[in-house]
PDB file of N, CA and C in Angstrom:
ATOM      1  N   UNK A   1     -60.350 -27.554  -1.179  1.00  0.00           N
ATOM      2  CA  UNK A   1     -60.920 -28.060   0.149  1.00  0.00           C
ATOM      3  C   UNK A   1     -61.404 -27.007   0.750  1.00  0.00           C
ATOM      4  N   UNK A   2     -62.519 -27.701   1.602  1.00  0.00           N
ATOM      5  CA  UNK A   2     -63.141 -26.847   2.559  1.00  0.00           C
ATOM      6  C   UNK A   2     -62.151 -26.724   4.035  1.00  0.00           C
ATOM      7  N   UNK A   3     -62.776 -25.178   4.666  1.00  0.00           N
ATOM      8  CA  UNK A   3     -62.016 -25.799   5.903  1.00  0.00           C
ATOM      9  C   UNK A   3     -62.160 -26.922   7.315  1.00  0.00           C
ATOM     10  N   UNK A   4     -63.776 -27.355   7.141  1.00  0.00           N
ATOM     11  CA  UNK A   4     -63.537 -28.883   7.884  1.00  0.00           C
ATOM     12  C   UNK A   4     -62.777 -29.573   6.877  1.00  0.00           C
ATOM     13  N   UNK A   5     -63.194 -30.203   6.116  1.00  0.00           N
ATOM     14  CA  UNK A   5     -61.885 -31.222   5.639  1.00  0.00           C
ATOM     15  C   UNK A   5     -60.272 -30.855   5.754  1.00  0.00           C
ATOM     16  N   UNK A   6     -59.740 -29.840   5.646  1.00  0.00           N
ATOM     17  CA  UNK A   6     -57.991 -29.190   5.562  1.00  0.00           C
ATOM     18  C   UNK A   6     -58.175 -29.438   7.495  1.00  0.00           C
ATOM     19  N   UNK A   7     -59.141 -29.302   8.487  1.00  0.00           N
ATOM     20  CA  UNK A   7     -59.183 -29.773   9.607  1.00  0.00           C
ATOM     21  C   UNK A   7     -58.631 -31.081   9.814  1.00  0.00           C
ATOM     22  N   UNK A   8     -59.745 -31.578   8.996  1.00  0.00           N
ATOM     23  CA  UNK A   8     -60.070 -33.271   9.450  1.00  0.00           C
ATOM     24  C   UNK A   8     -58.383 -33.800   9.059  1.00  0.00           C
ATOM     25  N   UNK A   9     -57.888 -33.160   8.037  1.00  0.00           N
ATOM     26  CA  UNK A   9     -56.348 -33.768   7.567  1.00  0.00           C
ATOM     27  C   UNK A   9     -55.546 -33.037   8.571  1.00  0.00           C
ATOM     28  N   UNK A  10     -55.541 -31.701   9.118  1.00  0.00           N
ATOM     29  CA  UNK A  10     -54.366 -31.626  10.390  1.00  0.00           C
ATOM     30  C   UNK A  10     -54.595 -32.910  11.206  1.00  0.00           C
ATOM     31  N   UNK A  11     -55.682 -32.989  11.335  1.00  0.00           N
ATOM     32  CA  UNK A  11     -56.613 -33.604  12.799  1.00  0.00           C
ATOM     33  C   UNK A  11     -55.630 -35.653  12.738  1.00  0.00           C
ATOM     34  N   UNK A  12     -55.886 -35.849  11.224  1.00  0.00           N
ATOM     35  CA  UNK A  12     -55.147 -36.735  10.852  1.00  0.00           C
ATOM     36  C   UNK A  12     -53.995 -36.984  10.849  1.00  0.00           C
ATOM     37  N   UNK A  13     -53.146 -36.377  10.331  1.00  0.00           N
ATOM     38  CA  UNK A  13     -51.746 -36.008  10.516  1.00  0.00           C
ATOM     39  C   UNK A  13     -51.365 -36.562  12.205  1.00  0.00           C
ATOM     40  N   UNK A  14     -51.567 -35.422  12.797  1.00  0.00           N
ATOM     41  CA  UNK A  14     -51.684 -35.438  14.628  1.00  0.00           C
ATOM     42  C   UNK A  14     -51.572 -36.459  14.685  1.00  0.00           C
ATOM     43  N   UNK A  15     -52.720 -37.096  14.377  1.00  0.00           N
ATOM     44  CA  UNK A  15     -53.250 -38.726  15.260  1.00  0.00           C
ATOM     45  C   UNK A  15     -51.894 -39.847  14.334  1.00  0.00           C
ATOM     46  N   UNK A  16     -51.617 -39.282  13.183  1.00  0.00           N
ATOM     47  CA  UNK A  16     -50.763 -40.736  12.729  1.00  0.00           C
ATOM     48  C   UNK A  16     -48.881 -40.013  13.534  1.00  0.00           C
ATOM     49  N   UNK A  17     -48.585 -38.461  14.131  1.00  0.00           N
ATOM     50  CA  UNK A  17     -47.745 -38.626  14.855  1.00  0.00           C
ATOM     51  C   UNK A  17     -47.958 -39.157  16.064  1.00  0.00           C
ATOM     52  N   UNK A  18     -48.960 -38.894  16.642  1.00  0.00           N
ATOM     53  CA  UNK A  18     -49.192 -39.222  18.159  1.00  0.00           C
ATOM     54  C   UNK A  18     -49.397 -41.307  18.101  1.00  0.00           C
ATOM     55  N   UNK A  19     -49.567 -41.705  17.446  1.00  0.00           N
ATOM     56  CA  UNK A  19     -50.087 -43.205  16.876  1.00  0.00           C
ATOM     57  C   UNK A  19     -48.056 -43.583  17.432  1.00  0.00           C
ATOM     58  N   UNK A  20     -47.548 -43.118  16.452  1.00  0.00           N
ATOM     59  CA  UNK A  20     -45.619 -42.869  15.603  1.00  0.00           C
ATOM     60  C   UNK A  20     -44.944 -43.134  17.640  1.00  0.00           C
ATOM     61  N   UNK A  21     -45.599 -41.948  18.194  1.00  0.00           N
ATOM     62  CA  UNK A  21     -44.960 -41.693  19.147  1.00  0.00           C
ATOM     63  C   UNK A  21     -45.564 -43.033  20.334  1.00  0.00           C
ATOM     64  N   UNK A  22     -46.426 -42.549  20.457  1.00  0.00           N
ATOM     65  CA  UNK A  22     -46.887 -43.817  21.852  1.00  0.00           C
ATOM     66  C   UNK A  22     -46.289 -45.425  21.533  1.00  0.00           C
ATOM     67  N   UNK A  23     -46.017 -45.757  20.720  1.00  0.00           N
ATOM     68  CA  UNK A  23     -45.419 -47.018  20.114  1.00  0.00           C
ATOM     69  C   UNK A  23     -44.236 -46.937  20.441  1.00  0.00           C
ATOM     70  N   UNK A  24     -43.500 -45.952  20.182  1.00  0.00           N
ATOM     71  CA  UNK A  24     -42.149 -45.437  20.724  1.00  0.00           C
ATOM     72  C   UNK A  24     -41.880 -45.433  21.840  1.00  0.00           C
ATOM     73  N   UNK A  25     -42.265 -44.721  22.361  1.00  0.00           N
ATOM     74  CA  UNK A  25     -42.848 -44.401  23.799  1.00  0.00           C
ATOM     75  C   UNK A  25     -42.773 -46.248  24.766  1.00  0.00           C
ATOM     76  N   UNK A  26     -43.821 -46.528  24.270  1.00  0.00           N
ATOM     77  CA  UNK A  26     -44.141 -48.053  24.925  1.00  0.00           C
ATOM     78  C   UNK A  26     -42.807 -49.210  24.903  1.00  0.00           C
ATOM     79  N   UNK A  27     -42.335 -48.654  23.916  1.00  0.00           N
ATOM     80  CA  UNK A  27     -41.016 -49.620  23.457  1.00  0.00           C
ATOM     81  C   UNK A  27     -39.428 -49.428  24.118  1.00  0.00           C
ATOM     82  N   UNK A  28     -39.198 -47.696  24.507  1.00  0.00           N
ATOM     83  CA  UNK A  28     -38.095 -47.526  24.573  1.00  0.00           C
ATOM     84  C   UNK A  28     -37.992 -47.781  26.598  1.00  0.00           C
ATOM     85  N   UNK A  29     -36.627 -47.773  26.777  1.00  0.00           N
ATOM     86  CA  UNK A  29     -35.740 -46.966  27.952  1.00  0.00           C
ATOM     87  C   UNK A  29     -36.394 -46.199  28.371  1.00  0.00           C
ATOM     88  N   UNK A  30     -36.350 -44.754  27.212  1.00  0.00           N
ATOM     89  CA  UNK A  30     -36.052 -43.332  27.386  1.00  0.00           C
ATOM     90  C   UNK A  30     -37.237 -42.445  27.152  1.00  0.00           C
ATOM     91  N   UNK A  31     -38.861 -42.563  27.279  1.00  0.00           N
ATOM     92  CA  UNK A  31     -39.572 -42.272  26.604  1.00  0.00           C
ATOM     93  C   UNK A  31     -39.645 -41.072  26.490  1.00  0.00           C
ATOM     94  N   UNK A  32     -38.976 -40.294  27.966  1.00  0.00           N
ATOM     95  CA  UNK A  32     -38.637 -38.488  27.067  1.00  0.00           C
ATOM     96  C   UNK A  32     -37.980 -38.192  26.151  1.00  0.00           C
ATOM     97  N   UNK A  33     -36.938 -39.091  26.013  1.00  0.00           N
ATOM     98  CA  UNK A  33     -35.969 -38.535  24.534  1.00  0.00           C
ATOM     99  C   UNK A  33     -37.094 -38.745  23.228  1.00  0.00           C
ATOM    100  N   UNK A  34     -37.888 -39.709  23.477  1.00  0.00           N
ATOM    101  CA  UNK A  34     -38.570 -39.595  22.046  1.00  0.00           C
ATOM    102  C   UNK A  34     -39.204 -38.416  21.270  1.00  0.00           C
ATOM    103  N   UNK A  35     -38.995 -38.060  20.453  1.00  0.00           N
ATOM    104  CA  UNK A  35     -39.408 -36.882  19.564  1.00  0.00           C
ATOM    105  C   UNK A  35     -39.512 -37.496  17.840  1.00  0.00           C
ATOM    106  N   UNK A  36     -41.072 -36.274  17.698  1.00  0.00           N
ATOM    107  CA  UNK A  36     -41.312 -37.382  16.514  1.00  0.00           C
ATOM    108  C   UNK A  36     -42.048 -35.589  15.014  1.00  0.00           C
ATOM    109  N   UNK A  37     -41.752 -35.869  14.254  1.00  0.00           N
ATOM    110  CA  UNK A  37     -41.777 -34.751  13.271  1.00  0.00           C
ATOM    111  C   UNK A  37     -42.496 -34.752  12.483  1.00  0.00           C
ATOM    112  N   UNK A  38     -42.987 -34.221  11.193  1.00  0.00           N
ATOM    113  CA  UNK A  38     -43.415 -34.615  10.097  1.00  0.00           C
ATOM    114  C   UNK A  38     -42.677 -33.424   8.845  1.00  0.00           C
ATOM    115  N   UNK A  39     -42.513 -34.431   8.001  1.00  0.00           N
ATOM    116  CA  UNK A  39     -42.353 -33.345   6.963  1.00  0.00           C
ATOM    117  C   UNK A  39     -43.109 -33.600   5.564  1.00  0.00           C
ATOM    118  N   UNK A  40     -43.666 -32.592   5.165  1.00  0.00           N
ATOM    119  CA  UNK A  40     -44.518 -32.954   3.784  1.00  0.00           C
ATOM    120  C   UNK A  40     -43.324 -32.971   3.248  1.00  0.00           C
ATOM    121  N   UNK A  41     -43.317 -34.081   1.763  1.00  0.00           N
ATOM    122  CA  UNK A  41     -43.102 -33.967   0.399  1.00  0.00           C
ATOM    123  C   UNK A  41     -43.876 -34.004  -0.427  1.00  0.00           C
ATOM    124  N   UNK A  42     -43.082 -34.655  -1.956  1.00  0.00           N
ATOM    125  CA  UNK A  42     -44.323 -34.321  -2.777  1.00  0.00           C
ATOM    126  C   UNK A  42     -45.383 -35.009  -2.777  1.00  0.00           C
ATOM    127  N   UNK A  43     -45.658 -36.369  -2.720  1.00  0.00           N
ATOM    128  CA  UNK A  43     -46.648 -37.592  -2.272  1.00  0.00           C
ATOM    129  C   UNK A  43     -46.681 -38.368  -1.290  1.00  0.00           C
ATOM    130  N   UNK A  44     -45.908 -37.581  -0.697  1.00  0.00           N
ATOM    131  CA  UNK A  44     -46.001 -37.805   0.933  1.00  0.00           C
ATOM    132  C   UNK A  44     -45.339 -37.524   1.986  1.00  0.00           C
ATOM    133  N   UNK A  45     -45.729 -37.441   3.379  1.00  0.00           N
ATOM    134  CA  UNK A  45     -45.441 -36.951   4.348  1.00  0.00           C
ATOM    135  C   UNK A  45     -44.446 -38.102   5.360  1.00  0.00           C
ATOM    136  N   UNK A  46     -43.306 -37.558   5.226  1.00  0.00           N
ATOM    137  CA  UNK A  46     -42.532 -38.627   6.054  1.00  0.00           C
ATOM    138  C   UNK A  46     -42.598 -37.882   7.856  1.00  0.00           C
ATOM    139  N   UNK A  47     -42.483 -39.085   8.434  1.00  0.00           N
ATOM    140  CA  UNK A  47     -42.633 -38.699   9.666  1.00  0.00           C
ATOM    141  C   UNK A  47     -41.053 -39.575  10.456  1.00  0.00           C
ATOM    142  N   UNK A  48     -40.983 -38.555  11.054  1.00  0.00           N
ATOM    143  CA  UNK A  48     -38.869 -38.701  11.686  1.00  0.00           C
ATOM    144  C   UNK A  48     -39.142 -38.988  12.936  1.00  0.00           C
ATOM    145  N   UNK A  49     -38.746 -40.617  13.542  1.00  0.00           N
ATOM    146  CA  UNK A  49     -38.859 -40.024  14.966  1.00  0.00           C
ATOM    147  C   UNK A  49     -37.607 -40.799  15.036  1.00  0.00           C
ATOM    148  N   UNK A  50     -37.210 -39.812  16.262  1.00  0.00           N
ATOM    149  CA  UNK A  50     -35.796 -39.892  16.890  1.00  0.00           C
ATOM    150  C   UNK A  50     -35.832 -40.326  18.290  1.00  0.00           C
ATOM    151  N   UNK A  51     -35.004 -41.252  18.429  1.00  0.00           N
ATOM    152  CA  UNK A  51     -34.734 -41.981  19.974  1.00  0.00           C
ATOM    153  C   UNK A  51     -33.613 -41.956  20.296  1.00  0.00           C
ATOM    154  N   UNK A  52     -33.114 -41.981  21.438  1.00  0.00           N
ATOM    155  CA  UNK A  52     -32.274 -42.154  21.594  1.00  0.00           C
ATOM    156  C   UNK A  52     -30.831 -43.095  21.391  1.00  0.00           C
ATOM    157  N   UNK A  53     -29.900 -42.435  21.353  1.00  0.00           N
ATOM    158  CA  UNK A  53     -28.728 -43.650  20.914  1.00  0.00           C
ATOM    159  C   UNK A  53     -28.767 -45.245  21.085  1.00  0.00           C
ATOM    160  N   UNK A  54     -29.144 -45.257  22.365  1.00  0.00           N
ATOM    161  CA  UNK A  54     -29.036 -46.495  23.432  1.00  0.00           C
ATOM    162  C   UNK A  54     -30.508 -47.293  22.815  1.00  0.00           C
ATOM    163  N   UNK A  55     -31.458 -46.174  22.592  1.00  0.00           N
ATOM    164  CA  UNK A  55     -33.267 -47.023  22.698  1.00  0.00           C
ATOM    165  C   UNK A  55     -33.118 -48.066  20.911  1.00  0.00           C
ATOM    166  N   UNK A  56     -32.244 -46.986  20.149  1.00  0.00           N
ATOM    167  CA  UNK A  56     -32.446 -47.254  18.611  1.00  0.00           C
ATOM    168  C   UNK A  56     -32.180 -49.251  18.432  1.00  0.00           C
ATOM    169  N   UNK A  57     -32.404 -49.484  18.921  1.00  0.00           N
ATOM    170  CA  UNK A  57     -31.934 -51.016  18.914  1.00  0.00           C
ATOM    171  C   UNK A  57     -33.744 -51.984  19.465  1.00  0.00           C
ATOM    172  N   UNK A  58     -34.165 -51.328  20.337  1.00  0.00           N
ATOM    173  CA  UNK A  58     -35.138 -51.560  20.955  1.00  0.00           C
ATOM    174  C   UNK A  58     -36.029 -51.218  19.424  1.00  0.00           C
ATOM    175  N   UNK A  59     -36.545 -49.788  19.117  1.00  0.00           N
ATOM    176  CA  UNK A  59     -37.308 -49.510  17.584  1.00  0.00           C
ATOM    177  C   UNK A  59     -37.216 -50.207  16.984  1.00  0.00           C
ATOM    178  N   UNK A  60     -35.751 -50.474  16.234  1.00  0.00           N
ATOM    179  CA  UNK A  60     -35.644 -51.212  15.511  1.00  0.00           C
ATOM    180  C   UNK A  60     -36.003 -53.087  15.455  1.00  0.00           C
ATOM    181  N   UNK A  61     -35.168 -53.321  16.444  1.00  0.00           N
ATOM    182  CA  UNK A  61     -36.176 -54.554  16.679  1.00  0.00           C
ATOM    183  C   UNK A  61     -35.279 -55.915  16.132  1.00  0.00           C
ATOM    184  N   UNK A  62     -35.333 -56.809  16.334  1.00  0.00           N
ATOM    185  CA  UNK A  62     -33.948 -58.020  15.786  1.00  0.00           C
ATOM    186  C   UNK A  62     -35.058 -57.818  13.855  1.00  0.00           C
ATOM    187  N   UNK A  63     -33.462 -58.017  12.886  1.00  0.00           N
ATOM    188  CA  UNK A  63     -33.638 -58.300  11.695  1.00  0.00           C
ATOM    189  C   UNK A  63     -35.075 -56.996  11.177  1.00  0.00           C
ATOM    190  N   UNK A  64     -35.381 -55.775  12.116  1.00  0.00           N
ATOM    191  CA  UNK A  64     -35.683 -55.284  11.194  1.00  0.00           C
ATOM    192  C   UNK A  64     -37.495 -55.492  11.736  1.00  0.00           C
ATOM    193  N   UNK A  65     -38.050 -56.100  12.516  1.00  0.00           N
ATOM    194  CA  UNK A  65     -39.028 -56.826  12.667  1.00  0.00           C
ATOM    195  C   UNK A  65     -39.834 -55.665  13.543  1.00  0.00           C
ATOM    196  N   UNK A  66     -39.360 -54.935  14.529  1.00  0.00           N
ATOM    197  CA  UNK A  66     -40.204 -53.985  15.057  1.00  0.00           C
ATOM    198  C   UNK A  66     -40.400 -52.987  14.136  1.00  0.00           C
ATOM    199  N   UNK A  67     -39.384 -52.468  13.410  1.00  0.00           N
ATOM    200  CA  UNK A  67     -39.469 -51.219  12.798  1.00  0.00           C
ATOM    201  C   UNK A  67     -40.379 -51.417  11.319  1.00  0.00           C
ATOM    202  N   UNK A  68     -40.293 -52.866  10.764  1.00  0.00           N
ATOM    203  CA  UNK A  68     -40.909 -53.086   9.770  1.00  0.00           C
ATOM    204  C   UNK A  68     -42.317 -53.418  10.379  1.00  0.00           C
ATOM    205  N   UNK A  69     -42.850 -53.725  11.484  1.00  0.00           N
ATOM    206  CA  UNK A  69     -44.323 -53.652  12.034  1.00  0.00           C
ATOM    207  C   UNK A  69     -44.964 -52.194  12.373  1.00  0.00           C
ATOM    208  N   UNK A  70     -44.147 -51.286  12.503  1.00  0.00           N
ATOM    209  CA  UNK A  70     -44.569 -50.139  12.409  1.00  0.00           C
ATOM    210  C   UNK A  70     -44.909 -49.262  11.315  1.00  0.00           C
ATOM    211  N   UNK A  71     -43.978 -49.679  10.319  1.00  0.00           N
ATOM    212  CA  UNK A  71     -44.178 -49.203   8.861  1.00  0.00           C
ATOM    213  C   UNK A  71     -45.339 -49.524   8.577  1.00  0.00           C
ATOM    214  N   UNK A  72     -45.324 -51.278   8.610  1.00  0.00           N
ATOM    215  CA  UNK A  72     -46.705 -51.946   8.518  1.00  0.00           C
ATOM    216  C   UNK A  72     -48.320 -51.034   8.800  1.00  0.00           C
ATOM    217  N   UNK A  73     -48.421 -51.020   9.960  1.00  0.00           N
ATOM    218  CA  UNK A  73     -49.450 -50.347  10.775  1.00  0.00           C
ATOM    219  C   UNK A  73     -49.733 -48.823  10.017  1.00  0.00           C
ATOM    220  N   UNK A  74     -48.043 -47.890  10.319  1.00  0.00           N
ATOM    221  CA  UNK A  74     -48.092 -47.052   9.185  1.00  0.00           C
ATOM    222  C   UNK A  74     -48.954 -46.977   7.829  1.00  0.00           C
ATOM    223  N   UNK A  75     -48.835 -47.751   7.300  1.00  0.00           N
ATOM    224  CA  UNK A  75     -49.347 -47.928   5.786  1.00  0.00           C
ATOM    225  C   UNK A  75     -50.663 -48.710   5.672  1.00  0.00           C
ATOM    226  N   UNK A  76     -51.015 -49.657   6.699  1.00  0.00           N
ATOM    227  CA  UNK A  76     -52.315 -49.477   6.971  1.00  0.00           C
ATOM    228  C   UNK A  76     -53.702 -48.022   7.016  1.00  0.00           C
ATOM    229  N   UNK A  77     -52.950 -47.371   8.624  1.00  0.00           N
ATOM    230  CA  UNK A  77     -53.570 -46.164   8.152  1.00  0.00           C
ATOM    231  C   UNK A  77     -53.509 -45.431   7.206  1.00  0.00           C
ATOM    232  N   UNK A  78     -52.254 -45.314   6.408  1.00  0.00           N
ATOM    233  CA  UNK A  78     -52.315 -44.033   5.089  1.00  0.00           C
ATOM    234  C   UNK A  78     -53.471 -44.645   4.283  1.00  0.00           C
ATOM    235  N   UNK A  79     -53.871 -45.999   4.146  1.00  0.00           N
ATOM    236  CA  UNK A  79     -54.714 -46.456   2.643  1.00  0.00           C
ATOM    237  C   UNK A  79     -55.961 -45.936   3.089  1.00  0.00           C
ATOM    238  N   UNK A  80     -56.385 -45.740   4.711  1.00  0.00           N
ATOM    239  CA  UNK A  80     -57.594 -45.596   5.473  1.00  0.00           C
ATOM    240  C   UNK A  80     -57.608 -43.740   4.721  1.00  0.00           C
ATOM    241  N   UNK A  81     -56.412 -43.191   4.891  1.00  0.00           N
ATOM    242  CA  UNK A  81     -56.515 -41.427   5.064  1.00  0.00           C
ATOM    243  C   UNK A  81     -56.372 -41.337   2.945  1.00  0.00           C
ATOM    244  N   UNK A  82     -55.808 -42.753   2.213  1.00  0.00           N
ATOM    245  CA  UNK A  82     -55.591 -42.083   1.067  1.00  0.00           C
ATOM    246  C   UNK A  82     -54.599 -41.052   0.944  1.00  0.00           C
ATOM    247  N   UNK A  83     -53.477 -41.120   1.641  1.00  0.00           N
ATOM    248  CA  UNK A  83     -52.192 -40.807   1.969  1.00  0.00           C
ATOM    249  C   UNK A  83     -50.991 -41.407   2.327  1.00  0.00           C
ATOM    250  N   UNK A  84     -50.226 -41.064   1.452  1.00  0.00           N
ATOM    251  CA  UNK A  84     -48.623 -41.979   1.770  1.00  0.00           C
ATOM    252  C   UNK A  84     -48.704 -41.254   3.097  1.00  0.00           C
ATOM    253  N   UNK A  85     -47.622 -42.149   3.721  1.00  0.00           N
ATOM    254  CA  UNK A  85     -46.867 -41.854   5.104  1.00  0.00           C
ATOM    255  C   UNK A  85     -45.327 -42.700   4.760  1.00  0.00           C
ATOM    256  N   UNK A  86     -44.154 -42.296   5.028  1.00  0.00           N
ATOM    257  CA  UNK A  86     -42.965 -42.421   5.563  1.00  0.00           C
ATOM    258  C   UNK A  86     -42.364 -42.750   6.913  1.00  0.00           C
ATOM    259  N   UNK A  87     -41.972 -43.760   7.562  1.00  0.00           N
ATOM    260  CA  UNK A  87     -41.211 -43.781   8.444  1.00  0.00           C
ATOM    261  C   UNK A  87     -39.960 -43.346   8.625  1.00  0.00           C
ATOM    262  N   UNK A  88     -38.917 -42.687   9.080  1.00  0.00           N
ATOM    263  CA  UNK A  88     -37.769 -42.468   9.123  1.00  0.00           C
ATOM    264  C   UNK A  88     -36.999 -42.760  10.683  1.00  0.00           C
ATOM    265  N   UNK A  89     -36.659 -43.626  10.775  1.00  0.00           N
ATOM    266  CA  UNK A  89     -35.793 -44.088  12.366  1.00  0.00           C
ATOM    267  C   UNK A  89     -34.601 -43.336  12.700  1.00  0.00           C
ATOM    268  N   UNK A  90     -34.227 -42.330  13.164  1.00  0.00           N
ATOM    269  CA  UNK A  90     -33.263 -41.457  13.644  1.00  0.00           C
ATOM    270  C   UNK A  90     -32.601 -41.708  14.742  1.00  0.00           C
ATOM    271  N   UNK A  91     -30.937 -41.927  15.218  1.00  0.00           N
ATOM    272  CA  UNK A  91     -30.705 -41.797  16.416  1.00  0.00           C
ATOM    273  C   UNK A  91     -30.460 -40.566  16.907  1.00  0.00           C
ATOM    274  N   UNK A  92     -30.939 -39.935  18.156  1.00  0.00           N
ATOM    275  CA  UNK A  92     -30.411 -39.177  18.498  1.00  0.00           C
ATOM    276  C   UNK A  92     -29.648 -38.474  19.511  1.00  0.00           C
ATOM    277  N   UNK A  93     -28.379 -38.048  18.801  1.00  0.00           N
ATOM    278  CA  UNK A  93     -26.994 -38.177  19.502  1.00  0.00           C
ATOM    279  C   UNK A  93     -26.825 -36.833  20.313  1.00  0.00           C
ATOM    280  N   UNK A  94     -27.839 -36.103  20.303  1.00  0.00           N
ATOM    281  CA  UNK A  94     -27.554 -34.745  21.181  1.00  0.00           C
ATOM    282  C   UNK A  94     -28.107 -35.541  22.703  1.00  0.00           C
ATOM    283  N   UNK A  95     -28.514 -36.775  22.877  1.00  0.00           N
ATOM    284  CA  UNK A  95     -29.361 -37.202  24.024  1.00  0.00           C
ATOM    285  C   UNK A  95     -27.952 -38.251  24.782  1.00  0.00           C
ATOM    286  N   UNK A  96     -27.849 -38.095  26.119  1.00  0.00           N
ATOM    287  CA  UNK A  96     -26.369 -39.119  26.541  1.00  0.00           C
ATOM    288  C   UNK A  96     -26.979 -39.845  27.718  1.00  0.00           C
ATOM    289  N   UNK A  97     -27.621 -41.583  27.319  1.00  0.00           N
ATOM    290  CA  UNK A  97     -28.047 -41.938  27.616  1.00  0.00           C
ATOM    291  C   UNK A  97     -27.187 -42.636  28.768  1.00  0.00           C
TER     292      UNK A  97
END
């Protein structure tokens, strides 16, 4: 992979992290407690979204519809990049809301 292709890949991963972060911050009551980190696994990148305990329901939504929608958007963007992304939503116990 060339240097420019590698930097484009890194920029794309950063864009995916920013996308998830922006969507989550728009949904929650405590946007300052939203954090997103990415972990490379075998064939995919796992994006871990961490939100305040009081905001977990807002991110998941009724019957998981909001979380499913976020995963659908991530999957659509993943197809364009030809790299698989997975979204994990985690409750942050350190944040006292």
